[in-house]
Amino acid sequence: MPVDPTMLVGGPEWAVGGVPAGVGEAAQPPSSDFGSMLGQQIGKLSELQTEAADAGRALATGTATDANAAVMAVERARLSMQLAAQIRTKSVESLQDILRTQI
């Protein structure tokens, strides 16, 4: 399906957040293992959930200065949680496939 260039959306109101400087494969030390990387990502997910809860609370009490930012924080946390759940599901399915493999 071709991409319709008229449907492209730009501008700061659609910015979800960029990748912070130093994030990526080159920034991590070569000796980092999968367990520490997974722990870091779970920590980031927890931070996103906390930020979303704070933003939602501020929006509900009327103390939020920017309603759009609060909604974006909640949506970012929701999508991150969905991604984590999908990764978990695929990991469990892969492990079950490995355990079912007969030697």
PDB file of N, CA and C in Angstrom:
ATOM      1  N   MET A   1       0.847  -1.169   0.000  1.00  0.00           N
ATOM      2  CA  MET A   1       0.000   0.000   0.000  1.00  0.00           C
ATOM      3  C   MET A   1       0.893   1.232   0.000  1.00  0.00           C
ATOM      4  N   PRO A   2       0.766   2.096  -0.977  1.00  0.00           N
ATOM      5  CA  PRO A   2       1.615   3.289  -1.037  1.00  0.00           C
ATOM      6  C   PRO A   2       1.246   4.293   0.049  1.00  0.00           C
ATOM      7  N   VAL A   3       2.227   5.062   0.449  1.00  0.00           N
ATOM      8  CA  VAL A   3       2.020   6.092   1.463  1.00  0.00           C
ATOM      9  C   VAL A   3       1.520   7.361   0.794  1.00  0.00           C
ATOM     10  N   ASP A   4       0.452   7.894   1.323  1.00  0.00           N
ATOM     11  CA  ASP A   4      -0.128   9.125   0.804  1.00  0.00           C
ATOM     12  C   ASP A   4       0.542  10.307   1.500  1.00  0.00           C
ATOM     13  N   PRO A   5       1.342  11.112   0.776  1.00  0.00           N
ATOM     14  CA  PRO A   5       2.051  12.222   1.431  1.00  0.00           C
ATOM     15  C   PRO A   5       1.128  13.291   1.998  1.00  0.00           C
ATOM     16  N   THR A   6      -0.116  13.338   1.551  1.00  0.00           N
ATOM     17  CA  THR A   6      -1.034  14.337   2.101  1.00  0.00           C
ATOM     18  C   THR A   6      -1.480  13.973   3.504  1.00  0.00           C
ATOM     19  N   MET A   7      -1.263  12.715   3.899  1.00  0.00           N
ATOM     20  CA  MET A   7      -1.675  12.281   5.229  1.00  0.00           C
ATOM     21  C   MET A   7      -0.573  12.456   6.268  1.00  0.00           C
ATOM     22  N   LEU A   8       0.590  12.899   5.830  1.00  0.00           N
ATOM     23  CA  LEU A   8       1.682  13.110   6.769  1.00  0.00           C
ATOM     24  C   LEU A   8       1.363  14.268   7.687  1.00  0.00           C
ATOM     25  N   VAL A   9       1.655  14.092   8.952  1.00  0.00           N
ATOM     26  CA  VAL A   9       1.368  15.105   9.952  1.00  0.00           C
ATOM     27  C   VAL A   9       2.689  15.520  10.568  1.00  0.00           C
ATOM     28  N   GLY A  10       2.862  16.788  10.744  1.00  0.00           N
ATOM     29  CA  GLY A  10       4.094  17.277  11.341  1.00  0.00           C
ATOM     30  C   GLY A  10       3.805  18.378  12.324  1.00  0.00           C
ATOM     31  N   GLY A  11       4.849  18.842  12.930  1.00  0.00           N
ATOM     32  CA  GLY A  11       4.683  19.935  13.859  1.00  0.00           C
ATOM     33  C   GLY A  11       4.904  19.501  15.290  1.00  0.00           C
ATOM     34  N   PRO A  12       5.143  20.448  16.182  1.00  0.00           N
ATOM     35  CA  PRO A  12       5.445  20.104  17.572  1.00  0.00           C
ATOM     36  C   PRO A  12       4.271  19.499  18.322  1.00  0.00           C
ATOM     37  N   GLU A  13       3.047  19.747  17.870  1.00  0.00           N
ATOM     38  CA  GLU A  13       1.910  19.188  18.592  1.00  0.00           C
ATOM     39  C   GLU A  13       1.812  17.677  18.443  1.00  0.00           C
ATOM     40  N   TRP A  14       2.498  17.119  17.459  1.00  0.00           N
ATOM     41  CA  TRP A  14       2.466  15.673  17.251  1.00  0.00           C
ATOM     42  C   TRP A  14       3.731  15.002  17.728  1.00  0.00           C
ATOM     43  N   ALA A  15       4.639  15.741  18.307  1.00  0.00           N
ATOM     44  CA  ALA A  15       5.891  15.161  18.778  1.00  0.00           C
ATOM     45  C   ALA A  15       5.633  14.347  20.035  1.00  0.00           C
ATOM     46  N   VAL A  16       5.964  13.081  19.991  1.00  0.00           N
ATOM     47  CA  VAL A  16       5.752  12.196  21.134  1.00  0.00           C
ATOM     48  C   VAL A  16       6.950  12.254  22.059  1.00  0.00           C
ATOM     49  N   GLY A  17       8.051  12.612  21.557  1.00  0.00           N
ATOM     50  CA  GLY A  17       9.261  12.674  22.364  1.00  0.00           C
ATOM     51  C   GLY A  17      10.379  12.007  21.601  1.00  0.00           C
ATOM     52  N   GLY A  18      11.487  12.645  21.554  1.00  0.00           N
ATOM     53  CA  GLY A  18      12.609  12.092  20.827  1.00  0.00           C
ATOM     54  C   GLY A  18      13.417  11.151  21.687  1.00  0.00           C
ATOM     55  N   VAL A  19      14.401  10.578  21.071  1.00  0.00           N
ATOM     56  CA  VAL A  19      15.310   9.702  21.790  1.00  0.00           C
ATOM     57  C   VAL A  19      16.334  10.588  22.483  1.00  0.00           C
ATOM     58  N   PRO A  20      16.477  10.466  23.797  1.00  0.00           N
ATOM     59  CA  PRO A  20      17.454  11.288  24.499  1.00  0.00           C
ATOM     60  C   PRO A  20      18.865  11.007  24.010  1.00  0.00           C
ATOM     61  N   ALA A  21      19.705  12.003  24.122  1.00  0.00           N
ATOM     62  CA  ALA A  21      21.088  11.851  23.698  1.00  0.00           C
ATOM     63  C   ALA A  21      21.766  10.752  24.507  1.00  0.00           C
ATOM     64  N   GLY A  22      22.510   9.942  23.823  1.00  0.00           N
ATOM     65  CA  GLY A  22      23.232   8.875  24.507  1.00  0.00           C
ATOM     66  C   GLY A  22      22.465   7.578  24.593  1.00  0.00           C
ATOM     67  N   VAL A  23      21.259   7.520  24.051  1.00  0.00           N
ATOM     68  CA  VAL A  23      20.483   6.286  24.099  1.00  0.00           C
ATOM     69  C   VAL A  23      20.725   5.538  22.803  1.00  0.00           C
ATOM     70  N   GLY A  24      20.964   4.284  22.913  1.00  0.00           N
ATOM     71  CA  GLY A  24      21.184   3.473  21.725  1.00  0.00           C
ATOM     72  C   GLY A  24      22.282   2.473  21.958  1.00  0.00           C
ATOM     73  N   GLU A  25      22.611   1.767  20.910  1.00  0.00           N
ATOM     74  CA  GLU A  25      23.584   0.692  21.021  1.00  0.00           C
ATOM     75  C   GLU A  25      24.984   1.240  21.310  1.00  0.00           C
ATOM     76  N   ALA A  26      25.328   2.375  20.714  1.00  0.00           N
ATOM     77  CA  ALA A  26      26.673   2.899  20.885  1.00  0.00           C
ATOM     78  C   ALA A  26      26.896   3.442  22.296  1.00  0.00           C
ATOM     79  N   ALA A  27      25.827   3.863  22.978  1.00  0.00           N
ATOM     80  CA  ALA A  27      25.976   4.464  24.294  1.00  0.00           C
ATOM     81  C   ALA A  27      26.122   3.419  25.396  1.00  0.00           C
ATOM     82  N   GLN A  28      25.685   2.178  25.150  1.00  0.00           N
ATOM     83  CA  GLN A  28      25.755   1.169  26.183  1.00  0.00           C
ATOM     84  C   GLN A  28      27.135   0.522  26.177  1.00  0.00           C
ATOM     85  N   PRO A  29      27.638   0.216  27.351  1.00  0.00           N
ATOM     86  CA  PRO A  29      28.938  -0.436  27.393  1.00  0.00           C
ATOM     87  C   PRO A  29      28.841  -1.831  26.790  1.00  0.00           C
ATOM     88  N   PRO A  30      29.908  -2.302  26.173  1.00  0.00           N
ATOM     89  CA  PRO A  30      29.856  -3.592  25.512  1.00  0.00           C
ATOM     90  C   PRO A  30      29.650  -4.760  26.476  1.00  0.00           C
ATOM     91  N   SER A  31      29.899  -4.562  27.757  1.00  0.00           N
ATOM     92  CA  SER A  31      29.764  -5.651  28.718  1.00  0.00           C
ATOM     93  C   SER A  31      28.370  -5.741  29.330  1.00  0.00           C
ATOM     94  N   SER A  32      27.426  -4.865  28.895  1.00  0.00           N
ATOM     95  CA  SER A  32      26.092  -4.924  29.471  1.00  0.00           C
ATOM     96  C   SER A  32      25.388  -6.181  28.990  1.00  0.00           C
ATOM     97  N   ASP A  33      24.654  -6.810  29.893  1.00  0.00           N
ATOM     98  CA  ASP A  33      23.981  -8.049  29.545  1.00  0.00           C
ATOM     99  C   ASP A  33      22.488  -7.803  29.364  1.00  0.00           C
ATOM    100  N   PHE A  34      21.801  -8.828  28.913  1.00  0.00           N
ATOM    101  CA  PHE A  34      20.377  -8.717  28.620  1.00  0.00           C
ATOM    102  C   PHE A  34      19.577  -8.412  29.876  1.00  0.00           C
ATOM    103  N   GLY A  35      19.947  -9.007  30.999  1.00  0.00           N
ATOM    104  CA  GLY A  35      19.218  -8.793  32.245  1.00  0.00           C
ATOM    105  C   GLY A  35      19.253  -7.344  32.697  1.00  0.00           C
ATOM    106  N   SER A  36      20.408  -6.701  32.592  1.00  0.00           N
ATOM    107  CA  SER A  36      20.489  -5.297  33.013  1.00  0.00           C
ATOM    108  C   SER A  36      19.731  -4.393  32.048  1.00  0.00           C
ATOM    109  N   MET A  37      19.781  -4.719  30.749  1.00  0.00           N
ATOM    110  CA  MET A  37      19.038  -3.936  29.771  1.00  0.00           C
ATOM    111  C   MET A  37      17.532  -4.072  30.019  1.00  0.00           C
ATOM    112  N   LEU A  38      17.099  -5.288  30.308  1.00  0.00           N
ATOM    113  CA  LEU A  38      15.685  -5.510  30.589  1.00  0.00           C
ATOM    114  C   LEU A  38      15.259  -4.770  31.854  1.00  0.00           C
ATOM    115  N   GLY A  39      16.101  -4.788  32.861  1.00  0.00           N
ATOM    116  CA  GLY A  39      15.808  -4.063  34.098  1.00  0.00           C
ATOM    117  C   GLY A  39      15.693  -2.562  33.868  1.00  0.00           C
ATOM    118  N   GLN A  40      16.567  -2.019  33.020  1.00  0.00           N
ATOM    119  CA  GLN A  40      16.504  -0.591  32.708  1.00  0.00           C
ATOM    120  C   GLN A  40      15.209  -0.241  31.989  1.00  0.00           C
ATOM    121  N   GLN A  41      14.804  -1.080  31.052  1.00  0.00           N
ATOM    122  CA  GLN A  41      13.587  -0.804  30.299  1.00  0.00           C
ATOM    123  C   GLN A  41      12.348  -0.924  31.180  1.00  0.00           C
ATOM    124  N   ILE A  42      12.356  -1.863  32.103  1.00  0.00           N
ATOM    125  CA  ILE A  42      11.235  -1.985  33.043  1.00  0.00           C
ATOM    126  C   ILE A  42      11.186  -0.765  33.952  1.00  0.00           C
ATOM    127  N   GLY A  43      12.350  -0.267  34.340  1.00  0.00           N
ATOM    128  CA  GLY A  43      12.412   0.958  35.135  1.00  0.00           C
ATOM    129  C   GLY A  43      11.845   2.152  34.379  1.00  0.00           C
ATOM    130  N   LYS A  44      12.161   2.247  33.083  1.00  0.00           N
ATOM    131  CA  LYS A  44      11.618   3.332  32.266  1.00  0.00           C
ATOM    132  C   LYS A  44      10.109   3.200  32.127  1.00  0.00           C
ATOM    133  N   LEU A  45       9.627   1.967  31.993  1.00  0.00           N
ATOM    134  CA  LEU A  45       8.192   1.738  31.906  1.00  0.00           C
ATOM    135  C   LEU A  45       7.505   2.169  33.198  1.00  0.00           C
ATOM    136  N   SER A  46       8.129   1.869  34.309  1.00  0.00           N
ATOM    137  CA  SER A  46       7.578   2.275  35.605  1.00  0.00           C
ATOM    138  C   SER A  46       7.538   3.799  35.729  1.00  0.00           C
ATOM    139  N   GLU A  47       8.579   4.462  35.245  1.00  0.00           N
ATOM    140  CA  GLU A  47       8.601   5.927  35.271  1.00  0.00           C
ATOM    141  C   GLU A  47       7.479   6.505  34.412  1.00  0.00           C
ATOM    142  N   LEU A  48       7.266   5.919  33.224  1.00  0.00           N
ATOM    143  CA  LEU A  48       6.184   6.389  32.360  1.00  0.00           C
ATOM    144  C   LEU A  48       4.824   6.216  33.025  1.00  0.00           C
ATOM    145  N   GLN A  49       4.636   5.096  33.713  1.00  0.00           N
ATOM    146  CA  GLN A  49       3.369   4.854  34.398  1.00  0.00           C
ATOM    147  C   GLN A  49       3.161   5.867  35.530  1.00  0.00           C
ATOM    148  N   THR A  50       4.229   6.170  36.250  1.00  0.00           N
ATOM    149  CA  THR A  50       4.144   7.151  37.337  1.00  0.00           C
ATOM    150  C   THR A  50       3.821   8.542  36.791  1.00  0.00           C
ATOM    151  N   GLU A  51       4.502   8.922  35.694  1.00  0.00           N
ATOM    152  CA  GLU A  51       4.234  10.219  35.080  1.00  0.00           C
ATOM    153  C   GLU A  51       2.789  10.304  34.588  1.00  0.00           C
ATOM    154  N   ALA A  52       2.295   9.215  34.011  1.00  0.00           N
ATOM    155  CA  ALA A  52       0.915   9.205  33.514  1.00  0.00           C
ATOM    156  C   ALA A  52      -0.073   9.324  34.670  1.00  0.00           C
ATOM    157  N   ALA A  53       0.210   8.642  35.766  1.00  0.00           N
ATOM    158  CA  ALA A  53      -0.684   8.726  36.924  1.00  0.00           C
ATOM    159  C   ALA A  53      -0.696  10.146  37.487  1.00  0.00           C
ATOM    160  N   ASP A  54       0.477  10.766  37.568  1.00  0.00           N
ATOM    161  CA  ASP A  54       0.548  12.145  38.057  1.00  0.00           C
ATOM    162  C   ASP A  54      -0.182  13.103  37.124  1.00  0.00           C
ATOM    163  N   ALA A  55       0.008  12.905  35.805  1.00  0.00           N
ATOM    164  CA  ALA A  55      -0.654  13.779  34.827  1.00  0.00           C
ATOM    165  C   ALA A  55      -2.165  13.593  34.875  1.00  0.00           C
ATOM    166  N   GLY A  56      -2.613  12.359  35.003  1.00  0.00           N
ATOM    167  CA  GLY A  56      -4.048  12.105  35.094  1.00  0.00           C
ATOM    168  C   GLY A  56      -4.650  12.691  36.349  1.00  0.00           C
ATOM    169  N   ARG A  57      -3.922  12.589  37.457  1.00  0.00           N
ATOM    170  CA  ARG A  57      -4.389  13.161  38.715  1.00  0.00           C
ATOM    171  C   ARG A  57      -4.470  14.683  38.609  1.00  0.00           C
ATOM    172  N   ALA A  58      -3.453  15.292  37.981  1.00  0.00           N
ATOM    173  CA  ALA A  58      -3.455  16.746  37.821  1.00  0.00           C
ATOM    174  C   ALA A  58      -4.588  17.186  36.905  1.00  0.00           C
ATOM    175  N   LEU A  59      -4.868  16.390  35.885  1.00  0.00           N
ATOM    176  CA  LEU A  59      -5.957  16.721  34.974  1.00  0.00           C
ATOM    177  C   LEU A  59      -7.303  16.593  35.672  1.00  0.00           C
ATOM    178  N   ALA A  60      -7.449  15.572  36.509  1.00  0.00           N
ATOM    179  CA  ALA A  60      -8.716  15.357  37.213  1.00  0.00           C
ATOM    180  C   ALA A  60      -8.977  16.429  38.268  1.00  0.00           C
ATOM    181  N   THR A  61      -7.919  16.895  38.912  1.00  0.00           N
ATOM    182  CA  THR A  61      -8.098  17.914  39.952  1.00  0.00           C
ATOM    183  C   THR A  61      -8.135  19.328  39.393  1.00  0.00           C
ATOM    184  N   GLY A  62      -7.804  19.476  38.108  1.00  0.00           N
ATOM    185  CA  GLY A  62      -7.833  20.796  37.490  1.00  0.00           C
ATOM    186  C   GLY A  62      -6.561  21.583  37.680  1.00  0.00           C
ATOM    187  N   THR A  63      -5.490  20.949  38.140  1.00  0.00           N
ATOM    188  CA  THR A  63      -4.233  21.661  38.344  1.00  0.00           C
ATOM    189  C   THR A  63      -3.283  21.518  37.163  1.00  0.00           C
ATOM    190  N   ALA A  64      -3.682  20.781  36.128  1.00  0.00           N
ATOM    191  CA  ALA A  64      -2.823  20.604  34.957  1.00  0.00           C
ATOM    192  C   ALA A  64      -2.767  21.904  34.164  1.00  0.00           C
ATOM    193  N   THR A  65      -1.573  22.306  33.784  1.00  0.00           N
ATOM    194  CA  THR A  65      -1.421  23.534  33.008  1.00  0.00           C
ATOM    195  C   THR A  65      -1.621  23.274  31.517  1.00  0.00           C
ATOM    196  N   ASP A  66      -1.314  22.057  31.071  1.00  0.00           N
ATOM    197  CA  ASP A  66      -1.453  21.709  29.660  1.00  0.00           C
ATOM    198  C   ASP A  66      -2.179  20.369  29.556  1.00  0.00           C
ATOM    199  N   ALA A  67      -3.426  20.424  29.162  1.00  0.00           N
ATOM    200  CA  ALA A  67      -4.228  19.204  29.068  1.00  0.00           C
ATOM    201  C   ALA A  67      -3.693  18.272  27.982  1.00  0.00           C
ATOM    202  N   ASN A  68      -3.183  18.837  26.896  1.00  0.00           N
ATOM    203  CA  ASN A  68      -2.642  18.008  25.824  1.00  0.00           C
ATOM    204  C   ASN A  68      -1.441  17.203  26.288  1.00  0.00           C
ATOM    205  N   ALA A  69      -0.583  17.817  27.077  1.00  0.00           N
ATOM    206  CA  ALA A  69       0.596  17.117  27.585  1.00  0.00           C
ATOM    207  C   ALA A  69       0.184  15.992  28.531  1.00  0.00           C
ATOM    208  N   ALA A  70      -0.844  16.227  29.317  1.00  0.00           N
ATOM    209  CA  ALA A  70      -1.323  15.194  30.235  1.00  0.00           C
ATOM    210  C   ALA A  70      -1.895  14.008  29.469  1.00  0.00           C
ATOM    211  N   VAL A  71      -2.674  14.288  28.443  1.00  0.00           N
ATOM    212  CA  VAL A  71      -3.244  13.208  27.632  1.00  0.00           C
ATOM    213  C   VAL A  71      -2.144  12.458  26.902  1.00  0.00           C
ATOM    214  N   MET A  72      -1.150  13.175  26.397  1.00  0.00           N
ATOM    215  CA  MET A  72      -0.030  12.519  25.704  1.00  0.00           C
ATOM    216  C   MET A  72       0.759  11.631  26.660  1.00  0.00           C
ATOM    217  N   ALA A  73       0.945  12.048  27.901  1.00  0.00           N
ATOM    218  CA  ALA A  73       1.668  11.236  28.878  1.00  0.00           C
ATOM    219  C   ALA A  73       0.912   9.948  29.172  1.00  0.00           C
ATOM    220  N   VAL A  74      -0.399  10.050  29.301  1.00  0.00           N
ATOM    221  CA  VAL A  74      -1.217   8.859  29.552  1.00  0.00           C
ATOM    222  C   VAL A  74      -1.177   7.931  28.349  1.00  0.00           C
ATOM    223  N   GLU A  75      -1.273   8.479  27.154  1.00  0.00           N
ATOM    224  CA  GLU A  75      -1.250   7.654  25.941  1.00  0.00           C
ATOM    225  C   GLU A  75       0.118   7.004  25.740  1.00  0.00           C
ATOM    226  N   ARG A  76       1.188   7.742  26.032  1.00  0.00           N
ATOM    227  CA  ARG A  76       2.537   7.182  25.918  1.00  0.00           C
ATOM    228  C   ARG A  76       2.711   6.003  26.875  1.00  0.00           C
ATOM    229  N   ALA A  77       2.197   6.149  28.081  1.00  0.00           N
ATOM    230  CA  ALA A  77       2.297   5.064  29.064  1.00  0.00           C
ATOM    231  C   ALA A  77       1.446   3.869  28.637  1.00  0.00           C
ATOM    232  N   ARG A  78       0.271   4.131  28.075  1.00  0.00           N
ATOM    233  CA  ARG A  78      -0.599   3.040  27.620  1.00  0.00           C
ATOM    234  C   ARG A  78       0.055   2.250  26.497  1.00  0.00           C
ATOM    235  N   LEU A  79       0.625   2.953  25.530  1.00  0.00           N
ATOM    236  CA  LEU A  79       1.281   2.272  24.417  1.00  0.00           C
ATOM    237  C   LEU A  79       2.518   1.511  24.878  1.00  0.00           C
ATOM    238  N   SER A  80       3.258   2.065  25.804  1.00  0.00           N
ATOM    239  CA  SER A  80       4.440   1.379  26.335  1.00  0.00           C
ATOM    240  C   SER A  80       4.042   0.101  27.065  1.00  0.00           C
ATOM    241  N   MET A  81       2.948   0.162  27.809  1.00  0.00           N
ATOM    242  CA  MET A  81       2.479  -1.028  28.515  1.00  0.00           C
ATOM    243  C   MET A  81       1.991  -2.084  27.532  1.00  0.00           C
ATOM    244  N   GLN A  82       1.311  -1.662  26.478  1.00  0.00           N
ATOM    245  CA  GLN A  82       0.874  -2.614  25.463  1.00  0.00           C
ATOM    246  C   GLN A  82       2.066  -3.288  24.795  1.00  0.00           C
ATOM    247  N   LEU A  83       3.108  -2.517  24.501  1.00  0.00           N
ATOM    248  CA  LEU A  83       4.309  -3.083  23.891  1.00  0.00           C
ATOM    249  C   LEU A  83       4.960  -4.089  24.830  1.00  0.00           C
ATOM    250  N   ALA A  84       5.075  -3.743  26.103  1.00  0.00           N
ATOM    251  CA  ALA A  84       5.671  -4.662  27.076  1.00  0.00           C
ATOM    252  C   ALA A  84       4.855  -5.942  27.193  1.00  0.00           C
ATOM    253  N   ALA A  85       3.539  -5.831  27.157  1.00  0.00           N
ATOM    254  CA  ALA A  85       2.682  -7.014  27.236  1.00  0.00           C
ATOM    255  C   ALA A  85       2.845  -7.894  25.998  1.00  0.00           C
ATOM    256  N   GLN A  86       2.962  -7.284  24.839  1.00  0.00           N
ATOM    257  CA  GLN A  86       3.167  -8.056  23.616  1.00  0.00           C
ATOM    258  C   GLN A  86       4.515  -8.752  23.610  1.00  0.00           C
ATOM    259  N   ILE A  87       5.543  -8.075  24.101  1.00  0.00           N
ATOM    260  CA  ILE A  87       6.870  -8.691  24.178  1.00  0.00           C
ATOM    261  C   ILE A  87       6.838  -9.861  25.147  1.00  0.00           C
ATOM    262  N   ARG A  88       6.169  -9.694  26.275  1.00  0.00           N
ATOM    263  CA  ARG A  88       6.038 -10.789  27.232  1.00  0.00           C
ATOM    264  C   ARG A  88       5.308 -11.970  26.621  1.00  0.00           C
ATOM    265  N   THR A  89       4.210 -11.700  25.920  1.00  0.00           N
ATOM    266  CA  THR A  89       3.425 -12.767  25.313  1.00  0.00           C
ATOM    267  C   THR A  89       4.250 -13.524  24.277  1.00  0.00           C
ATOM    268  N   LYS A  90       4.955 -12.808  23.430  1.00  0.00           N
ATOM    269  CA  LYS A  90       5.787 -13.457  22.409  1.00  0.00           C
ATOM    270  C   LYS A  90       6.927 -14.241  23.047  1.00  0.00           C
ATOM    271  N   SER A  91       7.483 -13.737  24.131  1.00  0.00           N
ATOM    272  CA  SER A  91       8.556 -14.449  24.826  1.00  0.00           C
ATOM    273  C   SER A  91       8.056 -15.756  25.420  1.00  0.00           C
ATOM    274  N   VAL A  92       6.881 -15.717  26.036  1.00  0.00           N
ATOM    275  CA  VAL A  92       6.295 -16.925  26.622  1.00  0.00           C
ATOM    276  C   VAL A  92       5.976 -17.936  25.527  1.00  0.00           C
ATOM    277  N   GLU A  93       5.414 -17.469  24.412  1.00  0.00           N
ATOM    278  CA  GLU A  93       5.116 -18.371  23.305  1.00  0.00           C
ATOM    279  C   GLU A  93       6.382 -19.009  22.749  1.00  0.00           C
ATOM    280  N   SER A  94       7.445 -18.229  22.637  1.00  0.00           N
ATOM    281  CA  SER A  94       8.715 -18.764  22.137  1.00  0.00           C
ATOM    282  C   SER A  94       9.275 -19.800  23.089  1.00  0.00           C
ATOM    283  N   LEU A  95       9.214 -19.542  24.373  1.00  0.00           N
ATOM    284  CA  LEU A  95       9.702 -20.500  25.357  1.00  0.00           C
ATOM    285  C   LEU A  95       8.886 -21.785  25.312  1.00  0.00           C
ATOM    286  N   GLN A  96       7.577 -21.664  25.169  1.00  0.00           N
ATOM    287  CA  GLN A  96       6.737 -22.855  25.072  1.00  0.00           C
ATOM    288  C   GLN A  96       7.066 -23.659  23.812  1.00  0.00           C
ATOM    289  N   ASP A  97       7.351 -22.976  22.704  1.00  0.00           N
ATOM    290  CA  ASP A  97       7.738 -23.677  21.487  1.00  0.00           C
ATOM    291  C   ASP A  97       9.059 -24.419  21.679  1.00  0.00           C
ATOM    292  N   ILE A  98       9.986 -23.791  22.376  1.00  0.00           N
ATOM    293  CA  ILE A  98      11.279 -24.434  22.626  1.00  0.00           C
ATOM    294  C   ILE A  98      11.088 -25.656  23.516  1.00  0.00           C
ATOM    295  N   LEU A  99      10.257 -25.534  24.535  1.00  0.00           N
ATOM    296  CA  LEU A  99      10.052 -26.659  25.448  1.00  0.00           C
ATOM    297  C   LEU A  99       9.282 -27.799  24.791  1.00  0.00           C
ATOM    298  N   ARG A 100       8.466 -27.503  23.786  1.00  0.00           N
ATOM    299  CA  ARG A 100       7.732 -28.543  23.082  1.00  0.00           C
ATOM    300  C   ARG A 100       8.577 -29.259  22.030  1.00  0.00           C
ATOM    301  N   THR A 101       9.695 -28.674  21.674  1.00  0.00           N
ATOM    302  CA  THR A 101      10.552 -29.265  20.654  1.00  0.00           C
ATOM    303  C   THR A 101      11.111 -30.582  21.145  1.00  0.00           C
ATOM    304  N   GLN A 102      10.920 -31.620  20.342  1.00  0.00           N
ATOM    305  CA  GLN A 102      11.424 -32.942  20.722  1.00  0.00           C
ATOM    306  C   GLN A 102      12.808 -33.117  20.127  1.00  0.00           C
ATOM    307  N   ILE A 103      13.639 -33.722  20.920  1.00  0.00           N
ATOM    308  CA  ILE A 103      15.023 -33.938  20.486  1.00  0.00           C
ATOM    309  C   ILE A 103      15.191 -35.368  20.030  1.00  0.00           C
TER     310      ILE A 103
END
